[in-house]
């Protein structure tokens, strides 16, 4: 196994510096930076948009292409999870409901 190269050390230090600068950006000013109301309103939806951007391709696509059959276990699993969430408003139960339907259809019925 080879030792640590100077490129590795430089990359790690550079990434650490970038992380410190970007995460500490809002700590540097002595007074609060003004933010327009429209931006504050828009940032409320950022976590939901990020979640949809990550989850939607996993649900509706396989290997970069849209799924072409209704016999995909992910679709009923998403429906079950969504129904459970609207019924109980419980995240853990939502995950369990979706995972249970997915596993039953994949392992039990071979979807």
C-alpha atoms as a PDB file:
ATOM      1  CA  UNK A   1       0.000   0.000   0.000  1.00  0.00           C
ATOM      2  CA  UNK A   2       1.493   3.324  -0.981  1.00  0.00           C
ATOM      3  CA  UNK A   3       1.929   6.226   1.402  1.00  0.00           C
ATOM      4  CA  UNK A   4       0.012   9.463   1.412  1.00  0.00           C
ATOM      5  CA  UNK A   5       0.919  11.626  -1.551  1.00  0.00           C
ATOM      6  CA  UNK A   6       1.207  15.393  -1.532  1.00  0.00           C
ATOM      7  CA  UNK A   7      -1.791  15.542  -3.897  1.00  0.00           C
ATOM      8  CA  UNK A   8      -3.952  13.783  -1.322  1.00  0.00           C
ATOM      9  CA  UNK A   9      -2.839  16.096   1.459  1.00  0.00           C
ATOM     10  CA  UNK A  10      -3.401  19.154  -0.743  1.00  0.00           C
ATOM     11  CA  UNK A  11      -6.872  17.932  -1.718  1.00  0.00           C
ATOM     12  CA  UNK A  12      -7.865  17.272   1.902  1.00  0.00           C
ATOM     13  CA  UNK A  13      -6.583  20.647   3.100  1.00  0.00           C
ATOM     14  CA  UNK A  14      -8.231  22.428   0.178  1.00  0.00           C
ATOM     15  CA  UNK A  15     -11.580  20.761   0.841  1.00  0.00           C
ATOM     16  CA  UNK A  16     -11.291  21.590   4.545  1.00  0.00           C
ATOM     17  CA  UNK A  17     -10.590  25.237   3.722  1.00  0.00           C
ATOM     18  CA  UNK A  18     -13.514  25.437   1.298  1.00  0.00           C
ATOM     19  CA  UNK A  19     -15.798  23.862   3.901  1.00  0.00           C
ATOM     20  CA  UNK A  20     -14.720  26.311   6.607  1.00  0.00           C
ATOM     21  CA  UNK A  21     -15.136  29.317   4.320  1.00  0.00           C
ATOM     22  CA  UNK A  22     -18.549  28.347   2.949  1.00  0.00           C
ATOM     23  CA  UNK A  23     -20.047  27.175   6.246  1.00  0.00           C
ATOM     24  CA  UNK A  24     -18.678  30.092   8.196  1.00  0.00           C
ATOM     25  CA  UNK A  25     -19.704  32.695   5.624  1.00  0.00           C
ATOM     26  CA  UNK A  26     -22.674  33.852   7.691  1.00  0.00           C
ATOM     27  CA  UNK A  27     -20.597  34.063  10.886  1.00  0.00           C
ATOM     28  CA  UNK A  28     -18.047  36.550   9.559  1.00  0.00           C
ATOM     29  CA  UNK A  29     -20.127  39.756   9.310  1.00  0.00           C
ATOM     30  CA  UNK A  30     -20.630  41.711  12.536  1.00  0.00           C
ATOM     31  CA  UNK A  31     -24.233  42.536  11.707  1.00  0.00           C
ATOM     32  CA  UNK A  32     -26.970  40.440  10.156  1.00  0.00           C
ATOM     33  CA  UNK A  33     -27.046  40.495   6.373  1.00  0.00           C
ATOM     34  CA  UNK A  34     -30.407  41.697   5.025  1.00  0.00           C
ATOM     35  CA  UNK A  35     -32.305  39.130   3.019  1.00  0.00           C
ATOM     36  CA  UNK A  36     -35.242  40.070   0.783  1.00  0.00           C
ATOM     37  CA  UNK A  37     -38.631  38.702   1.853  1.00  0.00           C
ATOM     38  CA  UNK A  38     -39.097  36.903  -1.474  1.00  0.00           C
ATOM     39  CA  UNK A  39     -35.828  35.027  -0.913  1.00  0.00           C
ATOM     40  CA  UNK A  40     -36.797  34.046   2.628  1.00  0.00           C
ATOM     41  CA  UNK A  41     -40.141  32.788   1.326  1.00  0.00           C
ATOM     42  CA  UNK A  42     -38.456  30.810  -1.452  1.00  0.00           C
ATOM     43  CA  UNK A  43     -35.937  29.212   0.910  1.00  0.00           C
ATOM     44  CA  UNK A  44     -38.781  27.666   2.896  1.00  0.00           C
ATOM     45  CA  UNK A  45     -39.331  25.245   0.019  1.00  0.00           C
ATOM     46  CA  UNK A  46     -35.667  24.362  -0.589  1.00  0.00           C
ATOM     47  CA  UNK A  47     -35.576  21.204   1.587  1.00  0.00           C
ATOM     48  CA  UNK A  48     -38.713  19.812  -0.052  1.00  0.00           C
ATOM     49  CA  UNK A  49     -37.373  20.570  -3.520  1.00  0.00           C
ATOM     50  CA  UNK A  50     -34.064  18.875  -2.711  1.00  0.00           C
ATOM     51  CA  UNK A  51     -35.865  15.795  -1.390  1.00  0.00           C
ATOM     52  CA  UNK A  52     -38.036  15.530  -4.489  1.00  0.00           C
ATOM     53  CA  UNK A  53     -34.988  15.965  -6.733  1.00  0.00           C
ATOM     54  CA  UNK A  54     -33.317  12.999  -5.037  1.00  0.00           C
ATOM     55  CA  UNK A  55     -36.298  10.668  -4.573  1.00  0.00           C
ATOM     56  CA  UNK A  56     -38.266  11.170  -7.823  1.00  0.00           C
ATOM     57  CA  UNK A  57     -35.615   9.743 -10.173  1.00  0.00           C
ATOM     58  CA  UNK A  58     -35.242   6.702  -7.904  1.00  0.00           C
ATOM     59  CA  UNK A  59     -38.984   6.066  -8.040  1.00  0.00           C
ATOM     60  CA  UNK A  60     -39.735   6.741 -11.693  1.00  0.00           C
ATOM     61  CA  UNK A  61     -36.497   5.827 -13.490  1.00  0.00           C
ATOM     62  CA  UNK A  62     -34.287   2.775 -14.002  1.00  0.00           C
ATOM     63  CA  UNK A  63     -30.816   3.181 -15.479  1.00  0.00           C
ATOM     64  CA  UNK A  64     -31.597   6.688 -16.692  1.00  0.00           C
ATOM     65  CA  UNK A  65     -34.875   5.789 -18.438  1.00  0.00           C
ATOM     66  CA  UNK A  66     -38.463   6.130 -17.300  1.00  0.00           C
ATOM     67  CA  UNK A  67     -40.002   2.894 -16.114  1.00  0.00           C
ATOM     68  CA  UNK A  68     -42.204   1.321 -18.755  1.00  0.00           C
ATOM     69  CA  UNK A  69     -44.430  -0.966 -16.690  1.00  0.00           C
ATOM     70  CA  UNK A  70     -46.943  -0.669 -13.895  1.00  0.00           C
ATOM     71  CA  UNK A  71     -45.563  -3.943 -12.503  1.00  0.00           C
ATOM     72  CA  UNK A  72     -42.801  -2.109 -10.666  1.00  0.00           C
ATOM     73  CA  UNK A  73     -42.909  -2.528  -6.894  1.00  0.00           C
ATOM     74  CA  UNK A  74     -41.776   1.060  -6.311  1.00  0.00           C
ATOM     75  CA  UNK A  75     -45.052   2.574  -7.526  1.00  0.00           C
ATOM     76  CA  UNK A  76     -47.389   0.765  -5.086  1.00  0.00           C
ATOM     77  CA  UNK A  77     -44.804   1.307  -2.332  1.00  0.00           C
ATOM     78  CA  UNK A  78     -44.847   5.060  -2.928  1.00  0.00           C
ATOM     79  CA  UNK A  79     -48.659   5.062  -2.975  1.00  0.00           C
ATOM     80  CA  UNK A  80     -48.798   3.099   0.289  1.00  0.00           C
ATOM     81  CA  UNK A  81     -46.237   5.363   1.949  1.00  0.00           C
ATOM     82  CA  UNK A  82     -48.052   8.492   0.777  1.00  0.00           C
ATOM     83  CA  UNK A  83     -51.418   7.175   1.965  1.00  0.00           C
ATOM     84  CA  UNK A  84     -49.962   6.260   5.347  1.00  0.00           C
ATOM     85  CA  UNK A  85     -48.376   9.692   5.742  1.00  0.00           C
ATOM     86  CA  UNK A  86     -51.633  11.505   4.979  1.00  0.00           C
ATOM     87  CA  UNK A  87     -53.467   9.184   7.351  1.00  0.00           C
ATOM     88  CA  UNK A  88     -51.107   9.360  10.357  1.00  0.00           C
ATOM     89  CA  UNK A  89     -48.536  12.144   9.662  1.00  0.00           C
ATOM     90  CA  UNK A  90     -45.788   9.855  10.997  1.00  0.00           C
ATOM     91  CA  UNK A  91     -42.427   9.656   9.223  1.00  0.00           C
ATOM     92  CA  UNK A  92     -41.265   6.346  10.716  1.00  0.00           C
ATOM     93  CA  UNK A  93     -44.585   4.686   9.884  1.00  0.00           C
ATOM     94  CA  UNK A  94     -44.375   6.103   6.366  1.00  0.00           C
ATOM     95  CA  UNK A  95     -40.960   4.531   5.852  1.00  0.00           C
ATOM     96  CA  UNK A  96     -42.118   1.212   7.306  1.00  0.00           C
ATOM     97  CA  UNK A  97     -45.303   1.155   5.183  1.00  0.00           C
ATOM     98  CA  UNK A  98     -43.450   1.880   1.945  1.00  0.00           C
ATOM     99  CA  UNK A  99     -40.653  -0.557   2.696  1.00  0.00           C
ATOM    100  CA  UNK A 100     -43.097  -3.304   3.676  1.00  0.00           C
ATOM    101  CA  UNK A 101     -45.067  -2.989   0.441  1.00  0.00           C
ATOM    102  CA  UNK A 102     -41.856  -2.868  -1.586  1.00  0.00           C
ATOM    103  CA  UNK A 103     -40.432  -5.999   0.057  1.00  0.00           C
ATOM    104  CA  UNK A 104     -43.685  -7.953  -0.157  1.00  0.00           C
ATOM    105  CA  UNK A 105     -44.030  -7.214  -3.874  1.00  0.00           C
ATOM    106  CA  UNK A 106     -40.350  -7.843  -4.678  1.00  0.00           C
ATOM    107  CA  UNK A 107     -39.694 -10.881  -2.499  1.00  0.00           C
ATOM    108  CA  UNK A 108     -43.185 -12.311  -2.244  1.00  0.00           C
ATOM    109  CA  UNK A 109     -44.462 -11.786  -5.789  1.00  0.00           C
ATOM    110  CA  UNK A 110     -41.220 -11.329  -7.723  1.00  0.00           C
ATOM    111  CA  UNK A 111     -42.004  -7.895  -9.125  1.00  0.00           C
END
